[in-house]
Amino acid sequence: MSATTDLTEPAVITTEPTTADATRRRLVLGRFRDLSLVPAILVLGLIGFIVSPAFLTGDNLIGVAQQSTELSLLVLATALILICGRMDLSLESTIGVAPVIAVWLVLPTSGARFTGLGLLPEWTAVPLCLLVGVVIGAANGFLILKLRLNGFIVTLGMLTMLRGLQVALSEGQSIVELPSSFTYLGKSSWLGVPAAIWICVVLFALGAGALAWLRHGRALYAIGGNPEAARTAGIRVDRIVWIVLILGSVLAAFAGILYSGHYGSISATQGSGWIFQVFAATVIGGVSLNGGKGSIFGALTGVLTLQLVVNVMTLAGVPPLWNQFLNGAIIIVALIISRFASGEKQE
């Protein structure tokens, strides 16, 4: 149901049957859009099994899920931001610069390949990394919501600035001395499954539950669909959008922790080029770039689709140089299918 319908429905008594029918149609289309990638995932599973029997083994599937964790957190952040009608390109840089700043503040000034300040104890690395995410999101929110600057340009500038800061602090080299809290979250397993997978499942469940059942979560759809109508209805649009921008940056910073811990290092270019994959997964998962539409489950299926495509290609021996081409092709095909399935124009 759109924000405009929510706000005007109580006053339109004579057209209630028509409004109800239209609402039911939109709900059906919304559910279809959320589930539209499930058949594609099943087909990819079949193709993967035909290409290599190793595809359906537990180790391979867990490996695919493990490789999807960091990207999926960025997709979760992007989905929330897009649903409320905004965009944040700086998430790509946040995944790299947040852990670099945290490590820079806690590592000793000598005795390590990477020279840090050593100002704070090692156990503060994770909270510091998340705090960096809060600061970046708050800065984006201030520039966009208070100074009324263009969100696309602001976050593009922030992406560039943070990337430069990441390279400068890391001195253009990989950081291999990491706090134990980073490596624990990135490499440990709980009940035989990597901890990062459990964490992502919980965060996606919380995100889906918030959008479905919490008043402020449902308000994101109203804000993304019609912000002026949302304000008229008493929704504090700027405050909620600001919170979502901060939350998105925190998720990106946490993704940086998992990625760094998983691979045991932080590269000077960590996160570079990820935004294209993030938007690819989010768009094919049914989240509208225009705001007000989409779901967390749809975004998750978008991530799984992209990762399964890469995995099947790897098992089939296709050179990885084709990955970017196929990702772009998947976006275009998904948009075409969504256009004819929903009967709505994609702008």
C-alpha atoms as a PDB file:
ATOM      1  CA  MET A   1       0.000   0.000   0.000  1.00  0.00           C
ATOM      2  CA  SER A   2       1.422   3.368  -0.961  1.00  0.00           C
ATOM      3  CA  ALA A   3       1.850   6.250   1.429  1.00  0.00           C
ATOM      4  CA  THR A   4      -0.826   8.299  -0.352  1.00  0.00           C
ATOM      5  CA  THR A   5      -3.374   5.516  -0.007  1.00  0.00           C
ATOM      6  CA  ASP A   6      -2.579   5.143   3.704  1.00  0.00           C
ATOM      7  CA  LEU A   7      -3.151   8.819   4.316  1.00  0.00           C
ATOM      8  CA  THR A   8      -6.333   9.267   2.310  1.00  0.00           C
ATOM      9  CA  GLU A   9      -8.126   5.967   2.825  1.00  0.00           C
ATOM     10  CA  PRO A  10     -10.010   6.917   6.028  1.00  0.00           C
ATOM     11  CA  ALA A  11     -11.614   9.902   4.280  1.00  0.00           C
ATOM     12  CA  VAL A  12     -12.671   8.005   1.141  1.00  0.00           C
ATOM     13  CA  ILE A  13     -15.668   5.987   2.262  1.00  0.00           C
ATOM     14  CA  THR A  14     -17.610   5.643  -0.954  1.00  0.00           C
ATOM     15  CA  THR A  15     -14.726   4.101  -2.886  1.00  0.00           C
ATOM     16  CA  GLU A  16     -13.667   1.595  -0.216  1.00  0.00           C
ATOM     17  CA  PRO A  17     -14.259  -1.552  -2.341  1.00  0.00           C
ATOM     18  CA  THR A  18     -12.218  -0.084  -5.215  1.00  0.00           C
ATOM     19  CA  THR A  19      -9.448   1.001  -2.875  1.00  0.00           C
ATOM     20  CA  ALA A  20      -9.410  -2.402  -1.201  1.00  0.00           C
ATOM     21  CA  ASP A  21      -9.180  -4.176  -4.550  1.00  0.00           C
ATOM     22  CA  ALA A  22      -6.322  -1.955  -5.657  1.00  0.00           C
ATOM     23  CA  THR A  23      -4.558  -2.539  -2.356  1.00  0.00           C
ATOM     24  CA  ARG A  24      -4.912  -6.307  -2.692  1.00  0.00           C
ATOM     25  CA  ARG A  25      -3.500  -6.147  -6.209  1.00  0.00           C
ATOM     26  CA  ARG A  26      -0.509  -4.147  -4.992  1.00  0.00           C
ATOM     27  CA  LEU A  27       0.095  -6.607  -2.165  1.00  0.00           C
ATOM     28  CA  VAL A  28      -0.032  -9.540  -4.568  1.00  0.00           C
ATOM     29  CA  LEU A  29       2.380  -7.793  -6.932  1.00  0.00           C
ATOM     30  CA  GLY A  30       4.641  -6.934  -4.003  1.00  0.00           C
ATOM     31  CA  ARG A  31       4.746 -10.576  -2.857  1.00  0.00           C
ATOM     32  CA  PHE A  32       5.406 -11.714  -6.417  1.00  0.00           C
ATOM     33  CA  ARG A  33       8.269  -9.248  -6.717  1.00  0.00           C
ATOM     34  CA  ASP A  34       9.761 -10.462  -3.418  1.00  0.00           C
ATOM     35  CA  LEU A  35       9.654 -14.094  -4.575  1.00  0.00           C
ATOM     36  CA  SER A  36      10.531 -13.509  -8.219  1.00  0.00           C
ATOM     37  CA  LEU A  37      14.166 -14.580  -7.794  1.00  0.00           C
ATOM     38  CA  VAL A  38      13.387 -17.822  -5.954  1.00  0.00           C
ATOM     39  CA  PRO A  39      12.836 -19.766  -9.226  1.00  0.00           C
ATOM     40  CA  ALA A  40      16.088 -18.272 -10.570  1.00  0.00           C
ATOM     41  CA  ILE A  41      17.941 -19.467  -7.474  1.00  0.00           C
ATOM     42  CA  LEU A  42      16.497 -22.973  -7.921  1.00  0.00           C
ATOM     43  CA  VAL A  43      17.494 -22.999 -11.592  1.00  0.00           C
ATOM     44  CA  LEU A  44      21.003 -21.864 -10.680  1.00  0.00           C
ATOM     45  CA  GLY A  45      21.157 -24.680  -8.157  1.00  0.00           C
ATOM     46  CA  LEU A  46      20.201 -27.197 -10.833  1.00  0.00           C
ATOM     47  CA  ILE A  47      22.722 -25.770 -13.294  1.00  0.00           C
ATOM     48  CA  GLY A  48      25.394 -25.798 -10.606  1.00  0.00           C
ATOM     49  CA  PHE A  49      24.728 -29.476  -9.846  1.00  0.00           C
ATOM     50  CA  ILE A  50      24.910 -30.340 -13.543  1.00  0.00           C
ATOM     51  CA  VAL A  51      28.160 -28.412 -13.941  1.00  0.00           C
ATOM     52  CA  SER A  52      29.738 -29.958 -10.862  1.00  0.00           C
ATOM     53  CA  PRO A  53      28.360 -32.404  -8.250  1.00  0.00           C
ATOM     54  CA  ALA A  54      30.433 -30.477  -5.708  1.00  0.00           C
ATOM     55  CA  PHE A  55      27.993 -27.565  -5.999  1.00  0.00           C
ATOM     56  CA  LEU A  56      25.445 -29.032  -3.589  1.00  0.00           C
ATOM     57  CA  THR A  57      27.987 -30.113  -0.986  1.00  0.00           C
ATOM     58  CA  GLY A  58      27.783 -28.515   2.416  1.00  0.00           C
ATOM     59  CA  ASP A  59      31.264 -27.021   2.170  1.00  0.00           C
ATOM     60  CA  ASN A  60      30.494 -25.279  -1.119  1.00  0.00           C
ATOM     61  CA  LEU A  61      27.132 -23.887   0.005  1.00  0.00           C
ATOM     62  CA  ILE A  62      28.569 -22.664   3.292  1.00  0.00           C
ATOM     63  CA  GLY A  63      31.413 -21.112   1.333  1.00  0.00           C
ATOM     64  CA  VAL A  64      28.947 -19.249  -0.895  1.00  0.00           C
ATOM     65  CA  ALA A  65      27.072 -18.014   2.173  1.00  0.00           C
ATOM     66  CA  GLN A  66      30.320 -16.973   3.860  1.00  0.00           C
ATOM     67  CA  GLN A  67      31.399 -14.996   0.795  1.00  0.00           C
ATOM     68  CA  SER A  68      27.984 -13.312   0.718  1.00  0.00           C
ATOM     69  CA  THR A  69      28.013 -12.027   4.293  1.00  0.00           C
ATOM     70  CA  GLU A  70      29.882  -8.746   3.864  1.00  0.00           C
ATOM     71  CA  LEU A  71      28.135  -7.885   0.598  1.00  0.00           C
ATOM     72  CA  SER A  72      24.767  -8.762   2.118  1.00  0.00           C
ATOM     73  CA  LEU A  73      25.241  -6.274   4.973  1.00  0.00           C
ATOM     74  CA  LEU A  74      25.901  -3.510   2.450  1.00  0.00           C
ATOM     75  CA  VAL A  75      22.812  -4.625   0.525  1.00  0.00           C
ATOM     76  CA  LEU A  76      20.750  -4.547   3.730  1.00  0.00           C
ATOM     77  CA  ALA A  77      21.964  -0.997   4.397  1.00  0.00           C
ATOM     78  CA  THR A  78      21.288   0.085   0.812  1.00  0.00           C
ATOM     79  CA  ALA A  79      17.811  -1.470   0.809  1.00  0.00           C
ATOM     80  CA  LEU A  80      16.791   0.462   3.924  1.00  0.00           C
ATOM     81  CA  ILE A  81      18.173   3.715   2.511  1.00  0.00           C
ATOM     82  CA  LEU A  82      16.577   3.245  -0.913  1.00  0.00           C
ATOM     83  CA  ILE A  83      13.180   2.339   0.557  1.00  0.00           C
ATOM     84  CA  CYS A  84      13.070   5.699   2.321  1.00  0.00           C
ATOM     85  CA  GLY A  85      13.914   7.414  -0.955  1.00  0.00           C
ATOM     86  CA  ARG A  86      17.596   8.191  -0.414  1.00  0.00           C
ATOM     87  CA  MET A  87      20.927   6.938  -1.749  1.00  0.00           C
ATOM     88  CA  ASP A  88      24.330   6.471  -0.122  1.00  0.00           C
ATOM     89  CA  LEU A  89      27.332   5.779  -2.349  1.00  0.00           C
ATOM     90  CA  SER A  90      29.796   6.229   0.513  1.00  0.00           C
ATOM     91  CA  LEU A  91      28.987   2.786   1.926  1.00  0.00           C
ATOM     92  CA  GLU A  92      31.636   1.435  -0.443  1.00  0.00           C
ATOM     93  CA  SER A  93      34.331   3.460   1.305  1.00  0.00           C
ATOM     94  CA  THR A  94      32.955   2.999   4.813  1.00  0.00           C
ATOM     95  CA  ILE A  95      33.591  -0.745   4.675  1.00  0.00           C
ATOM     96  CA  GLY A  96      37.282   0.033   4.244  1.00  0.00           C
ATOM     97  CA  VAL A  97      37.970   3.255   6.102  1.00  0.00           C
ATOM     98  CA  ALA A  98      36.121   2.351   9.331  1.00  0.00           C
ATOM     99  CA  PRO A  99      38.314  -0.662  10.198  1.00  0.00           C
ATOM    100  CA  VAL A 100      41.445   1.229   9.082  1.00  0.00           C
ATOM    101  CA  ILE A 101      40.714   4.101  11.483  1.00  0.00           C
ATOM    102  CA  ALA A 102      39.917   1.693  14.324  1.00  0.00           C
ATOM    103  CA  VAL A 103      43.126  -0.273  13.807  1.00  0.00           C
ATOM    104  CA  TRP A 104      45.111   2.960  13.420  1.00  0.00           C
ATOM    105  CA  LEU A 105      43.902   4.105  16.838  1.00  0.00           C
ATOM    106  CA  VAL A 106      44.603   0.869  18.728  1.00  0.00           C
ATOM    107  CA  LEU A 107      47.734  -0.626  17.168  1.00  0.00           C
ATOM    108  CA  PRO A 108      51.076   0.276  18.806  1.00  0.00           C
ATOM    109  CA  THR A 109      53.296   2.961  17.344  1.00  0.00           C
ATOM    110  CA  SER A 110      56.190   0.537  16.906  1.00  0.00           C
ATOM    111  CA  GLY A 111      56.883  -3.157  16.555  1.00  0.00           C
ATOM    112  CA  ALA A 112      54.414  -3.662  13.719  1.00  0.00           C
ATOM    113  CA  ARG A 113      54.506  -3.260   9.961  1.00  0.00           C
ATOM    114  CA  PHE A 114      51.664  -0.748  10.134  1.00  0.00           C
ATOM    115  CA  THR A 115      52.309   2.254  12.365  1.00  0.00           C
ATOM    116  CA  GLY A 116      49.363   3.214  14.542  1.00  0.00           C
ATOM    117  CA  LEU A 117      48.793   5.675  17.334  1.00  0.00           C
ATOM    118  CA  GLY A 118      48.237   3.138  20.107  1.00  0.00           C
ATOM    119  CA  LEU A 119      45.943   5.536  21.946  1.00  0.00           C
ATOM    120  CA  LEU A 120      43.311   3.011  23.024  1.00  0.00           C
ATOM    121  CA  PRO A 121      43.261  -0.612  24.222  1.00  0.00           C
ATOM    122  CA  GLU A 122      42.770  -3.370  21.681  1.00  0.00           C
ATOM    123  CA  TRP A 123      39.319  -4.385  22.956  1.00  0.00           C
ATOM    124  CA  THR A 124      37.936  -1.024  21.796  1.00  0.00           C
ATOM    125  CA  ALA A 125      38.620  -1.820  18.109  1.00  0.00           C
ATOM    126  CA  VAL A 126      35.122  -3.080  17.275  1.00  0.00           C
ATOM    127  CA  PRO A 127      33.255  -0.270  19.107  1.00  0.00           C
ATOM    128  CA  LEU A 128      35.578   2.276  17.479  1.00  0.00           C
ATOM    129  CA  CYS A 129      34.891   0.867  14.030  1.00  0.00           C
ATOM    130  CA  LEU A 130      31.140   1.087  14.584  1.00  0.00           C
ATOM    131  CA  LEU A 131      31.535   4.611  15.988  1.00  0.00           C
ATOM    132  CA  VAL A 132      33.286   5.653  12.776  1.00  0.00           C
ATOM    133  CA  GLY A 133      30.232   4.379  10.914  1.00  0.00           C
ATOM    134  CA  VAL A 134      27.992   6.505  13.129  1.00  0.00           C
ATOM    135  CA  VAL A 135      30.080   9.618  12.445  1.00  0.00           C
ATOM    136  CA  ILE A 136      30.056   9.062   8.670  1.00  0.00           C
ATOM    137  CA  GLY A 137      26.302   8.483   8.585  1.00  0.00           C
ATOM    138  CA  ALA A 138      25.662  11.502  10.808  1.00  0.00           C
ATOM    139  CA  ALA A 139      27.836  13.689   8.577  1.00  0.00           C
ATOM    140  CA  ASN A 140      25.954  12.531   5.476  1.00  0.00           C
ATOM    141  CA  GLY A 141      22.657  13.220   7.203  1.00  0.00           C
ATOM    142  CA  PHE A 142      23.723  16.713   8.241  1.00  0.00           C
ATOM    143  CA  LEU A 143      24.832  17.658   4.731  1.00  0.00           C
ATOM    144  CA  ILE A 144      21.757  16.188   3.055  1.00  0.00           C
ATOM    145  CA  LEU A 145      19.001  17.009   5.533  1.00  0.00           C
ATOM    146  CA  LYS A 146      20.207  20.195   7.229  1.00  0.00           C
ATOM    147  CA  LEU A 147      22.172  21.895   4.476  1.00  0.00           C
ATOM    148  CA  ARG A 148      19.800  20.468   1.810  1.00  0.00           C
ATOM    149  CA  LEU A 149      22.622  19.388  -0.493  1.00  0.00           C
ATOM    150  CA  ASN A 150      22.085  16.842  -3.251  1.00  0.00           C
ATOM    151  CA  GLY A 151      22.356  13.379  -1.680  1.00  0.00           C
ATOM    152  CA  PHE A 152      23.962  11.738  -4.702  1.00  0.00           C
ATOM    153  CA  ILE A 153      26.717  14.355  -4.939  1.00  0.00           C
ATOM    154  CA  VAL A 154      27.258  14.440  -1.169  1.00  0.00           C
ATOM    155  CA  THR A 155      27.738  10.695  -0.854  1.00  0.00           C
ATOM    156  CA  LEU A 156      29.849  10.583  -4.018  1.00  0.00           C
ATOM    157  CA  GLY A 157      32.120  13.240  -2.539  1.00  0.00           C
ATOM    158  CA  MET A 158      32.163  11.378   0.777  1.00  0.00           C
ATOM    159  CA  LEU A 159      33.081   8.149  -1.045  1.00  0.00           C
ATOM    160  CA  THR A 160      36.059   9.872  -2.679  1.00  0.00           C
ATOM    161  CA  MET A 161      37.183  11.624   0.496  1.00  0.00           C
ATOM    162  CA  LEU A 162      36.973   8.486   2.636  1.00  0.00           C
ATOM    163  CA  ARG A 163      38.794   6.443   0.012  1.00  0.00           C
ATOM    164  CA  GLY A 164      41.628   8.968   0.093  1.00  0.00           C
ATOM    165  CA  LEU A 165      41.698   8.867   3.898  1.00  0.00           C
ATOM    166  CA  GLN A 166      41.831   5.070   3.828  1.00  0.00           C
ATOM    167  CA  VAL A 167      44.805   5.051   1.459  1.00  0.00           C
ATOM    168  CA  ALA A 168      46.597   7.790   3.413  1.00  0.00           C
ATOM    169  CA  LEU A 169      46.210   6.126   6.825  1.00  0.00           C
ATOM    170  CA  SER A 170      47.149   2.690   5.531  1.00  0.00           C
ATOM    171  CA  GLU A 171      50.070   4.231   3.615  1.00  0.00           C
ATOM    172  CA  GLY A 172      48.873   2.389   0.533  1.00  0.00           C
ATOM    173  CA  GLN A 173      49.649  -1.047   1.955  1.00  0.00           C
ATOM    174  CA  SER A 174      47.697  -3.922   3.441  1.00  0.00           C
ATOM    175  CA  ILE A 175      47.362  -4.027   7.224  1.00  0.00           C
ATOM    176  CA  VAL A 176      48.016  -7.569   8.434  1.00  0.00           C
ATOM    177  CA  GLU A 177      48.210  -6.967  12.197  1.00  0.00           C
ATOM    178  CA  LEU A 178      44.574  -7.014  13.272  1.00  0.00           C
ATOM    179  CA  PRO A 179      42.929  -6.953  16.712  1.00  0.00           C
ATOM    180  CA  SER A 180      41.801 -10.365  17.944  1.00  0.00           C
ATOM    181  CA  SER A 181      38.168  -9.184  18.039  1.00  0.00           C
ATOM    182  CA  PHE A 182      38.263  -8.638  14.264  1.00  0.00           C
ATOM    183  CA  THR A 183      39.688 -12.079  13.520  1.00  0.00           C
ATOM    184  CA  TYR A 184      37.295 -13.778  15.943  1.00  0.00           C
ATOM    185  CA  LEU A 185      34.177 -12.418  14.252  1.00  0.00           C
ATOM    186  CA  GLY A 186      35.577 -13.079  10.801  1.00  0.00           C
ATOM    187  CA  LYS A 187      36.932 -16.592  11.270  1.00  0.00           C
ATOM    188  CA  SER A 188      35.130 -18.285  14.163  1.00  0.00           C
ATOM    189  CA  SER A 189      32.295 -20.794  13.763  1.00  0.00           C
ATOM    190  CA  TRP A 190      29.199 -21.353  15.871  1.00  0.00           C
ATOM    191  CA  LEU A 191      27.576 -24.801  15.697  1.00  0.00           C
ATOM    192  CA  GLY A 192      29.683 -25.641  12.667  1.00  0.00           C
ATOM    193  CA  VAL A 193      28.606 -22.566  10.706  1.00  0.00           C
ATOM    194  CA  PRO A 194      30.721 -19.400  10.340  1.00  0.00           C
ATOM    195  CA  ALA A 195      29.726 -16.773  12.888  1.00  0.00           C
ATOM    196  CA  ALA A 196      29.368 -14.170  10.131  1.00  0.00           C
ATOM    197  CA  ILE A 197      26.506 -16.166   8.591  1.00  0.00           C
ATOM    198  CA  TRP A 198      24.625 -16.326  11.900  1.00  0.00           C
ATOM    199  CA  ILE A 199      25.148 -12.600  12.412  1.00  0.00           C
ATOM    200  CA  CYS A 200      23.813 -11.775   8.944  1.00  0.00           C
ATOM    201  CA  VAL A 201      20.761 -14.000   9.420  1.00  0.00           C
ATOM    202  CA  VAL A 202      19.930 -12.216  12.677  1.00  0.00           C
ATOM    203  CA  LEU A 203      20.436  -8.745  11.192  1.00  0.00           C
ATOM    204  CA  PHE A 204      18.305  -9.506   8.136  1.00  0.00           C
ATOM    205  CA  ALA A 205      15.570 -10.952  10.377  1.00  0.00           C
ATOM    206  CA  LEU A 206      15.648  -7.812  12.524  1.00  0.00           C
ATOM    207  CA  GLY A 207      15.494  -5.598   9.438  1.00  0.00           C
ATOM    208  CA  ALA A 208      12.587  -7.509   7.929  1.00  0.00           C
ATOM    209  CA  GLY A 209      10.742  -7.530  11.248  1.00  0.00           C
ATOM    210  CA  ALA A 210      11.248  -3.790  11.724  1.00  0.00           C
ATOM    211  CA  LEU A 211       9.833  -2.977   8.281  1.00  0.00           C
ATOM    212  CA  ALA A 212       6.894  -5.317   8.782  1.00  0.00           C
ATOM    213  CA  TRP A 213       5.836  -4.633  12.362  1.00  0.00           C
ATOM    214  CA  LEU A 214       7.431  -1.480  13.779  1.00  0.00           C
ATOM    215  CA  ARG A 215       5.718   1.853  13.206  1.00  0.00           C
ATOM    216  CA  HIS A 216       8.962   3.617  12.315  1.00  0.00           C
ATOM    217  CA  GLY A 217       9.930   0.752  10.040  1.00  0.00           C
ATOM    218  CA  ARG A 218       6.665   0.970   8.102  1.00  0.00           C
ATOM    219  CA  ALA A 219       7.125   4.736   7.957  1.00  0.00           C
ATOM    220  CA  LEU A 220      10.104   4.209   5.618  1.00  0.00           C
ATOM    221  CA  TYR A 221       7.701   3.177   2.852  1.00  0.00           C
ATOM    222  CA  ALA A 222       5.572   6.252   3.423  1.00  0.00           C
ATOM    223  CA  ILE A 223       8.643   8.513   3.363  1.00  0.00           C
ATOM    224  CA  GLY A 224       9.994   6.905   0.219  1.00  0.00           C
ATOM    225  CA  GLY A 225       6.641   6.977  -1.540  1.00  0.00           C
ATOM    226  CA  ASN A 226       5.623  10.542  -0.685  1.00  0.00           C
ATOM    227  CA  PRO A 227       7.700  12.446   1.896  1.00  0.00           C
ATOM    228  CA  GLU A 228       5.386  15.476   1.947  1.00  0.00           C
ATOM    229  CA  ALA A 229       2.362  13.309   2.632  1.00  0.00           C
ATOM    230  CA  ALA A 230       4.355  11.537   5.335  1.00  0.00           C
ATOM    231  CA  ARG A 231       5.094  14.879   6.996  1.00  0.00           C
ATOM    232  CA  THR A 232       1.422  15.784   6.821  1.00  0.00           C
ATOM    233  CA  ALA A 233       0.617  12.520   8.575  1.00  0.00           C
ATOM    234  CA  GLY A 234       2.910  13.496  11.456  1.00  0.00           C
ATOM    235  CA  ILE A 235       5.917  11.378  10.518  1.00  0.00           C
ATOM    236  CA  ARG A 236       9.213  13.011  11.475  1.00  0.00           C
ATOM    237  CA  VAL A 237      10.763  12.482   8.066  1.00  0.00           C
ATOM    238  CA  ASP A 238      14.169  14.091   8.563  1.00  0.00           C
ATOM    239  CA  ARG A 239      14.796  12.383  11.891  1.00  0.00           C
ATOM    240  CA  ILE A 240      13.908   8.928  10.541  1.00  0.00           C
ATOM    241  CA  VAL A 241      15.968   9.382   7.357  1.00  0.00           C
ATOM    242  CA  TRP A 242      18.919  10.579   9.431  1.00  0.00           C
ATOM    243  CA  ILE A 243      18.685   7.483  11.633  1.00  0.00           C
ATOM    244  CA  VAL A 244      18.535   5.243   8.561  1.00  0.00           C
ATOM    245  CA  LEU A 245      21.633   6.898   7.068  1.00  0.00           C
ATOM    246  CA  ILE A 246      23.507   6.336  10.340  1.00  0.00           C
ATOM    247  CA  LEU A 247      22.291   2.758  10.574  1.00  0.00           C
ATOM    248  CA  GLY A 248      23.401   2.103   6.999  1.00  0.00           C
ATOM    249  CA  SER A 249      26.915   3.384   7.715  1.00  0.00           C
ATOM    250  CA  VAL A 250      27.113   1.294  10.898  1.00  0.00           C
ATOM    251  CA  LEU A 251      26.178  -1.819   8.916  1.00  0.00           C
ATOM    252  CA  ALA A 252      28.865  -0.977   6.365  1.00  0.00           C
ATOM    253  CA  ALA A 253      31.435  -0.535   9.149  1.00  0.00           C
ATOM    254  CA  PHE A 254      30.420  -3.873  10.655  1.00  0.00           C
ATOM    255  CA  ALA A 255      30.755  -5.485   7.218  1.00  0.00           C
ATOM    256  CA  GLY A 256      34.305  -4.102   7.206  1.00  0.00           C
ATOM    257  CA  ILE A 257      35.005  -5.899  10.492  1.00  0.00           C
ATOM    258  CA  LEU A 258      33.737  -9.228   9.146  1.00  0.00           C
ATOM    259  CA  TYR A 259      35.593  -8.859   5.854  1.00  0.00           C
ATOM    260  CA  SER A 260      38.867  -7.871   7.492  1.00  0.00           C
ATOM    261  CA  GLY A 261      38.642 -10.658  10.040  1.00  0.00           C
ATOM    262  CA  HIS A 262      37.705 -13.237   7.415  1.00  0.00           C
ATOM    263  CA  TYR A 263      40.707 -12.511   5.202  1.00  0.00           C
ATOM    264  CA  GLY A 264      43.076 -11.543   8.008  1.00  0.00           C
ATOM    265  CA  SER A 265      44.028  -8.153   6.603  1.00  0.00           C
ATOM    266  CA  ILE A 266      42.765  -4.746   5.492  1.00  0.00           C
ATOM    267  CA  SER A 267      43.835  -3.739   2.011  1.00  0.00           C
ATOM    268  CA  ALA A 268      44.280  -0.116   0.965  1.00  0.00           C
ATOM    269  CA  THR A 269      41.516  -0.598  -1.614  1.00  0.00           C
ATOM    270  CA  GLN A 270      39.090  -2.637   0.496  1.00  0.00           C
ATOM    271  CA  GLY A 271      35.549  -2.071  -0.748  1.00  0.00           C
ATOM    272  CA  SER A 272      36.604  -0.493  -4.050  1.00  0.00           C
ATOM    273  CA  GLY A 273      34.001  -1.180  -6.744  1.00  0.00           C
ATOM    274  CA  TRP A 274      31.572  -2.873  -4.349  1.00  0.00           C
ATOM    275  CA  ILE A 275      28.844  -0.307  -4.862  1.00  0.00           C
ATOM    276  CA  PHE A 276      28.090  -1.736  -8.314  1.00  0.00           C
ATOM    277  CA  GLN A 277      27.502  -5.213  -6.885  1.00  0.00           C
ATOM    278  CA  VAL A 278      25.486  -3.735  -4.042  1.00  0.00           C
ATOM    279  CA  PHE A 279      23.125  -1.881  -6.351  1.00  0.00           C
ATOM    280  CA  ALA A 280      22.958  -4.880  -8.677  1.00  0.00           C
ATOM    281  CA  ALA A 281      21.822  -7.174  -5.864  1.00  0.00           C
ATOM    282  CA  THR A 282      19.421  -4.597  -4.428  1.00  0.00           C
ATOM    283  CA  VAL A 283      17.775  -3.746  -7.747  1.00  0.00           C
ATOM    284  CA  ILE A 284      17.316  -7.319  -8.938  1.00  0.00           C
ATOM    285  CA  GLY A 285      15.929  -8.068  -5.478  1.00  0.00           C
ATOM    286  CA  GLY A 286      13.007  -5.755  -6.222  1.00  0.00           C
ATOM    287  CA  VAL A 287      13.986  -2.622  -4.269  1.00  0.00           C
ATOM    288  CA  SER A 288      13.006   0.465  -6.240  1.00  0.00           C
ATOM    289  CA  LEU A 289      15.564   3.179  -6.902  1.00  0.00           C
ATOM    290  CA  ASN A 290      12.669   5.649  -6.660  1.00  0.00           C
ATOM    291  CA  GLY A 291      11.890   4.753  -3.040  1.00  0.00           C
ATOM    292  CA  GLY A 292       8.872   3.331  -1.243  1.00  0.00           C
ATOM    293  CA  LYS A 293       9.095  -0.215  -2.627  1.00  0.00           C
ATOM    294  CA  GLY A 294      11.019  -3.350  -1.840  1.00  0.00           C
ATOM    295  CA  SER A 295      11.671  -5.802   0.944  1.00  0.00           C
ATOM    296  CA  ILE A 296      14.573  -7.175   2.927  1.00  0.00           C
ATOM    297  CA  PHE A 297      13.840 -10.718   1.735  1.00  0.00           C
ATOM    298  CA  GLY A 298      13.927  -9.580  -1.885  1.00  0.00           C
ATOM    299  CA  ALA A 299      17.274  -7.869  -1.315  1.00  0.00           C
ATOM    300  CA  LEU A 300      18.630 -11.059   0.253  1.00  0.00           C
ATOM    301  CA  THR A 301      17.581 -13.135  -2.759  1.00  0.00           C
ATOM    302  CA  GLY A 302      19.376 -10.596  -4.945  1.00  0.00           C
ATOM    303  CA  VAL A 303      22.639 -11.195  -3.059  1.00  0.00           C
ATOM    304  CA  LEU A 304      22.251 -14.970  -3.241  1.00  0.00           C
ATOM    305  CA  THR A 305      21.520 -14.819  -6.968  1.00  0.00           C
ATOM    306  CA  LEU A 306      24.677 -12.854  -7.734  1.00  0.00           C
ATOM    307  CA  GLN A 307      26.853 -15.074  -5.545  1.00  0.00           C
ATOM    308  CA  LEU A 308      25.416 -18.273  -7.001  1.00  0.00           C
ATOM    309  CA  VAL A 309      26.072 -16.994 -10.531  1.00  0.00           C
ATOM    310  CA  VAL A 310      29.717 -16.360  -9.612  1.00  0.00           C
ATOM    311  CA  ASN A 311      30.002 -19.770  -7.933  1.00  0.00           C
ATOM    312  CA  VAL A 312      28.492 -21.639 -10.892  1.00  0.00           C
ATOM    313  CA  MET A 313      30.787 -19.762 -13.277  1.00  0.00           C
ATOM    314  CA  THR A 314      33.801 -20.672 -11.141  1.00  0.00           C
ATOM    315  CA  LEU A 315      32.843 -24.343 -11.059  1.00  0.00           C
ATOM    316  CA  ALA A 316      32.293 -24.264 -14.826  1.00  0.00           C
ATOM    317  CA  GLY A 317      35.749 -22.821 -15.375  1.00  0.00           C
ATOM    318  CA  VAL A 318      34.541 -19.483 -16.745  1.00  0.00           C
ATOM    319  CA  PRO A 319      37.235 -16.781 -16.372  1.00  0.00           C
ATOM    320  CA  PRO A 320      36.385 -14.321 -13.567  1.00  0.00           C
ATOM    321  CA  LEU A 321      36.882 -11.456 -16.026  1.00  0.00           C
ATOM    322  CA  TRP A 322      33.323 -12.147 -17.214  1.00  0.00           C
ATOM    323  CA  ASN A 323      31.791 -11.539 -13.768  1.00  0.00           C
ATOM    324  CA  GLN A 324      31.181  -7.818 -14.231  1.00  0.00           C
ATOM    325  CA  PHE A 325      29.586  -8.358 -17.653  1.00  0.00           C
ATOM    326  CA  LEU A 326      27.207 -10.974 -16.276  1.00  0.00           C
ATOM    327  CA  ASN A 327      26.307  -8.834 -13.263  1.00  0.00           C
ATOM    328  CA  GLY A 328      25.266  -6.023 -15.595  1.00  0.00           C
ATOM    329  CA  ALA A 329      23.325  -8.436 -17.803  1.00  0.00           C
ATOM    330  CA  ILE A 330      21.507  -9.810 -14.749  1.00  0.00           C
ATOM    331  CA  ILE A 331      20.409  -6.304 -13.739  1.00  0.00           C
ATOM    332  CA  ILE A 332      18.983  -5.562 -17.187  1.00  0.00           C
ATOM    333  CA  VAL A 333      17.159  -8.907 -17.428  1.00  0.00           C
ATOM    334  CA  ALA A 334      15.771  -8.490 -13.909  1.00  0.00           C
ATOM    335  CA  LEU A 335      14.454  -5.015 -14.730  1.00  0.00           C
ATOM    336  CA  ILE A 336      12.765  -6.317 -17.886  1.00  0.00           C
ATOM    337  CA  ILE A 337      11.131  -9.176 -15.989  1.00  0.00           C
ATOM    338  CA  SER A 338      10.039  -6.824 -13.203  1.00  0.00           C
ATOM    339  CA  ARG A 339       8.576  -4.386 -15.732  1.00  0.00           C
ATOM    340  CA  PHE A 340       6.343  -6.947 -17.435  1.00  0.00           C
ATOM    341  CA  ALA A 341       5.525  -8.864 -14.257  1.00  0.00           C
ATOM    342  CA  SER A 342       4.331  -5.855 -12.291  1.00  0.00           C
ATOM    343  CA  GLY A 343       2.871  -3.806 -15.118  1.00  0.00           C
ATOM    344  CA  GLU A 344       4.632  -0.737 -13.744  1.00  0.00           C
ATOM    345  CA  LYS A 345       7.175   1.444 -15.491  1.00  0.00           C
ATOM    346  CA  GLN A 346      10.736   1.340 -14.251  1.00  0.00           C
ATOM    347  CA  GLU A 347      12.177   4.844 -14.312  1.00  0.00           C
END
